[in-house]
Amino acid sequence: MAIKITDACINCGACEPECPNNAIYEGGVAWTWAEGTALQQVVDNGTTIDAITPQDARSDEVYYIVTEKCTECVGFHDTPQCAAVCPVDCCIPDMQHQESQEELLAKKHKLHNTNTIS
């Protein structure tokens, strides 16, 4: 499963540089698929978009994690690094986005070894 940041976040920013997928963004900041990945294009609902196209921020208040880019650090570290460094323990498993180890590894491969994700 992906990790999410709760609204208990104090906006310290400790988590952001720890993410190997660049899946963590400051509240209000747009995100892109390309940041921290090898992606050049993404197929979203049948539409191909350029991976550098800014996407709307998912939170305006606190740091947030882009679920589609989160691999729980599988393939990089033994544990999610955002959770390891969070001083208020607000980086928690996102029960609405559960994935197996195999699915997380496949996601990592798609993010870092291909040009398109769908």
C-alpha atoms as a PDB file:
ATOM      1  CA  MET A   1       0.000   0.000   0.000  1.00  0.00           C
ATOM      2  CA  ALA A   2       1.048   3.561  -0.398  1.00  0.00           C
ATOM      3  CA  ILE A   3       1.855   5.875   2.464  1.00  0.00           C
ATOM      4  CA  LYS A   4      -0.208   8.968   3.210  1.00  0.00           C
ATOM      5  CA  ILE A   5       0.449  12.062   5.282  1.00  0.00           C
ATOM      6  CA  THR A   6      -2.222  12.925   7.814  1.00  0.00           C
ATOM      7  CA  ASP A   7      -3.376  16.411   8.701  1.00  0.00           C
ATOM      8  CA  ALA A   8      -1.276  16.111  11.865  1.00  0.00           C
ATOM      9  CA  CYS A   9       1.652  17.117   9.610  1.00  0.00           C
ATOM     10  CA  ILE A  10       3.589  20.093  10.988  1.00  0.00           C
ATOM     11  CA  ASN A  11       5.037  20.964   7.546  1.00  0.00           C
ATOM     12  CA  CYS A  12       8.617  20.407   8.664  1.00  0.00           C
ATOM     13  CA  GLY A  13       9.600  18.981   5.267  1.00  0.00           C
ATOM     14  CA  ALA A  14      11.808  16.206   6.677  1.00  0.00           C
ATOM     15  CA  CYS A  15      10.050  13.586   4.559  1.00  0.00           C
ATOM     16  CA  GLU A  16      10.359  15.207   1.139  1.00  0.00           C
ATOM     17  CA  PRO A  17      14.093  14.686   0.448  1.00  0.00           C
ATOM     18  CA  GLU A  18      13.908  11.097   1.705  1.00  0.00           C
ATOM     19  CA  CYS A  19      11.551   9.862  -1.028  1.00  0.00           C
ATOM     20  CA  PRO A  20      13.385   7.962  -3.791  1.00  0.00           C
ATOM     21  CA  ASN A  21      10.456   8.521  -6.173  1.00  0.00           C
ATOM     22  CA  ASN A  22       9.916  12.236  -5.523  1.00  0.00           C
ATOM     23  CA  ALA A  23       6.344  11.368  -4.535  1.00  0.00           C
ATOM     24  CA  ILE A  24       6.167  13.878  -1.662  1.00  0.00           C
ATOM     25  CA  TYR A  25       5.252  17.510  -2.235  1.00  0.00           C
ATOM     26  CA  GLU A  26       4.667  20.565  -0.089  1.00  0.00           C
ATOM     27  CA  GLY A  27       1.039  21.588   0.305  1.00  0.00           C
ATOM     28  CA  GLY A  28      -0.150  23.754  -2.571  1.00  0.00           C
ATOM     29  CA  VAL A  29       2.726  22.758  -4.845  1.00  0.00           C
ATOM     30  CA  ALA A  30       1.920  21.111  -8.179  1.00  0.00           C
ATOM     31  CA  TRP A  31       3.570  17.762  -8.919  1.00  0.00           C
ATOM     32  CA  THR A  32       4.779  15.984 -12.055  1.00  0.00           C
ATOM     33  CA  TRP A  33       5.270  12.365 -13.018  1.00  0.00           C
ATOM     34  CA  ALA A  34       8.757  13.118 -14.335  1.00  0.00           C
ATOM     35  CA  GLU A  35      10.254  14.377 -11.077  1.00  0.00           C
ATOM     36  CA  GLY A  36      12.393  11.599  -9.634  1.00  0.00           C
ATOM     37  CA  THR A  37      11.430   9.082 -12.329  1.00  0.00           C
ATOM     38  CA  ALA A  38      12.435   8.023 -15.834  1.00  0.00           C
ATOM     39  CA  LEU A  39       8.959   8.716 -17.201  1.00  0.00           C
ATOM     40  CA  GLN A  40       8.468  10.791 -20.309  1.00  0.00           C
ATOM     41  CA  GLN A  41       4.778  10.074 -20.872  1.00  0.00           C
ATOM     42  CA  VAL A  42       1.856   8.795 -18.817  1.00  0.00           C
ATOM     43  CA  VAL A  43      -1.402   7.281 -20.037  1.00  0.00           C
ATOM     44  CA  ASP A  44      -4.210   8.534 -17.801  1.00  0.00           C
ATOM     45  CA  ASN A  45      -7.774   7.399 -18.565  1.00  0.00           C
ATOM     46  CA  GLY A  46      -6.786   6.639 -22.142  1.00  0.00           C
ATOM     47  CA  THR A  47      -5.114  10.017 -22.690  1.00  0.00           C
ATOM     48  CA  THR A  48      -1.350  10.276 -23.104  1.00  0.00           C
ATOM     49  CA  ILE A  49       0.172  13.225 -21.271  1.00  0.00           C
ATOM     50  CA  ASP A  50       3.704  14.523 -21.094  1.00  0.00           C
ATOM     51  CA  ALA A  51       5.277  13.501 -17.757  1.00  0.00           C
ATOM     52  CA  ILE A  52       6.514  17.054 -17.175  1.00  0.00           C
ATOM     53  CA  THR A  53       2.965  18.451 -17.283  1.00  0.00           C
ATOM     54  CA  PRO A  54       2.173  19.916 -13.845  1.00  0.00           C
ATOM     55  CA  GLN A  55      -0.626  18.163 -11.959  1.00  0.00           C
ATOM     56  CA  ASP A  56      -2.817  19.853  -9.367  1.00  0.00           C
ATOM     57  CA  ALA A  57      -1.644  19.769  -5.765  1.00  0.00           C
ATOM     58  CA  ARG A  58      -3.472  17.141  -3.732  1.00  0.00           C
ATOM     59  CA  SER A  59      -3.405  19.218  -0.559  1.00  0.00           C
ATOM     60  CA  ASP A  60      -3.228  22.929   0.057  1.00  0.00           C
ATOM     61  CA  GLU A  61      -2.569  22.616   3.777  1.00  0.00           C
ATOM     62  CA  VAL A  62       0.132  20.009   4.436  1.00  0.00           C
ATOM     63  CA  TYR A  63       2.707  17.933   2.622  1.00  0.00           C
ATOM     64  CA  TYR A  64       1.157  15.161   0.551  1.00  0.00           C
ATOM     65  CA  ILE A  65       2.186  11.934  -1.157  1.00  0.00           C
ATOM     66  CA  VAL A  66       1.229  11.118  -4.741  1.00  0.00           C
ATOM     67  CA  THR A  67      -0.088   7.578  -4.330  1.00  0.00           C
ATOM     68  CA  GLU A  68       0.675   6.624  -7.920  1.00  0.00           C
ATOM     69  CA  LYS A  69       4.384   7.369  -7.354  1.00  0.00           C
ATOM     70  CA  CYS A  70       4.702   5.881  -3.848  1.00  0.00           C
ATOM     71  CA  THR A  71       6.355   2.470  -3.638  1.00  0.00           C
ATOM     72  CA  GLU A  72       6.785   2.512   0.162  1.00  0.00           C
ATOM     73  CA  CYS A  73      10.510   2.632  -0.676  1.00  0.00           C
ATOM     74  CA  VAL A  74      10.306  -1.021  -1.851  1.00  0.00           C
ATOM     75  CA  GLY A  75      13.354  -1.720  -3.979  1.00  0.00           C
ATOM     76  CA  PHE A  76      15.252   1.133  -2.317  1.00  0.00           C
ATOM     77  CA  HIS A  77      15.020   0.706   1.474  1.00  0.00           C
ATOM     78  CA  ASP A  78      13.679  -1.788   3.996  1.00  0.00           C
ATOM     79  CA  THR A  79      11.126   0.651   5.405  1.00  0.00           C
ATOM     80  CA  PRO A  80       9.348   3.788   4.163  1.00  0.00           C
ATOM     81  CA  GLN A  81      11.839   6.566   4.754  1.00  0.00           C
ATOM     82  CA  CYS A  82       9.228   9.304   5.140  1.00  0.00           C
ATOM     83  CA  ALA A  83       7.771   7.481   8.129  1.00  0.00           C
ATOM     84  CA  ALA A  84      11.241   6.857   9.553  1.00  0.00           C
ATOM     85  CA  VAL A  85      12.103  10.568   9.662  1.00  0.00           C
ATOM     86  CA  CYS A  86       8.706  12.067  10.510  1.00  0.00           C
ATOM     87  CA  PRO A  87       8.914  13.704  13.956  1.00  0.00           C
ATOM     88  CA  VAL A  88       5.137  13.503  14.526  1.00  0.00           C
ATOM     89  CA  ASP A  89       4.431  10.067  13.009  1.00  0.00           C
ATOM     90  CA  CYS A  90       1.989  11.382  10.420  1.00  0.00           C
ATOM     91  CA  CYS A  91       3.312   9.254   7.515  1.00  0.00           C
ATOM     92  CA  ILE A  92       1.111   6.185   7.798  1.00  0.00           C
ATOM     93  CA  PRO A  93      -0.075   3.331   5.552  1.00  0.00           C
ATOM     94  CA  ASP A  94      -2.887   4.365   3.228  1.00  0.00           C
ATOM     95  CA  MET A  95      -5.418   1.568   3.702  1.00  0.00           C
ATOM     96  CA  GLN A  96      -7.356   2.727   0.617  1.00  0.00           C
ATOM     97  CA  HIS A  97      -4.368   1.966  -1.638  1.00  0.00           C
ATOM     98  CA  GLN A  98      -3.107  -1.491  -0.726  1.00  0.00           C
ATOM     99  CA  GLU A  99      -0.496  -3.124  -2.954  1.00  0.00           C
ATOM    100  CA  SER A 100       1.555  -6.298  -2.591  1.00  0.00           C
ATOM    101  CA  GLN A 101       5.360  -6.334  -2.541  1.00  0.00           C
ATOM    102  CA  GLU A 102       5.262  -7.592  -6.138  1.00  0.00           C
ATOM    103  CA  GLU A 103       2.969  -4.739  -7.210  1.00  0.00           C
ATOM    104  CA  LEU A 104       5.201  -2.180  -5.487  1.00  0.00           C
ATOM    105  CA  LEU A 105       8.298  -3.596  -7.201  1.00  0.00           C
ATOM    106  CA  ALA A 106       6.503  -3.513 -10.550  1.00  0.00           C
ATOM    107  CA  LYS A 107       5.536   0.127  -9.903  1.00  0.00           C
ATOM    108  CA  LYS A 108       9.161   0.953  -9.063  1.00  0.00           C
ATOM    109  CA  HIS A 109      10.260  -0.676 -12.313  1.00  0.00           C
ATOM    110  CA  LYS A 110       7.697   1.295 -14.337  1.00  0.00           C
ATOM    111  CA  LEU A 111       8.681   4.568 -12.682  1.00  0.00           C
ATOM    112  CA  HIS A 112      12.415   4.165 -13.108  1.00  0.00           C
ATOM    113  CA  ASN A 113      13.014   1.893 -16.096  1.00  0.00           C
ATOM    114  CA  THR A 114      10.455   2.838 -18.741  1.00  0.00           C
ATOM    115  CA  ASN A 115       9.296   5.884 -20.627  1.00  0.00           C
ATOM    116  CA  THR A 116       5.539   5.422 -20.254  1.00  0.00           C
ATOM    117  CA  ILE A 117       3.247   4.331 -17.443  1.00  0.00           C
ATOM    118  CA  SER A 118      -0.406   3.493 -17.790  1.00  0.00           C
END
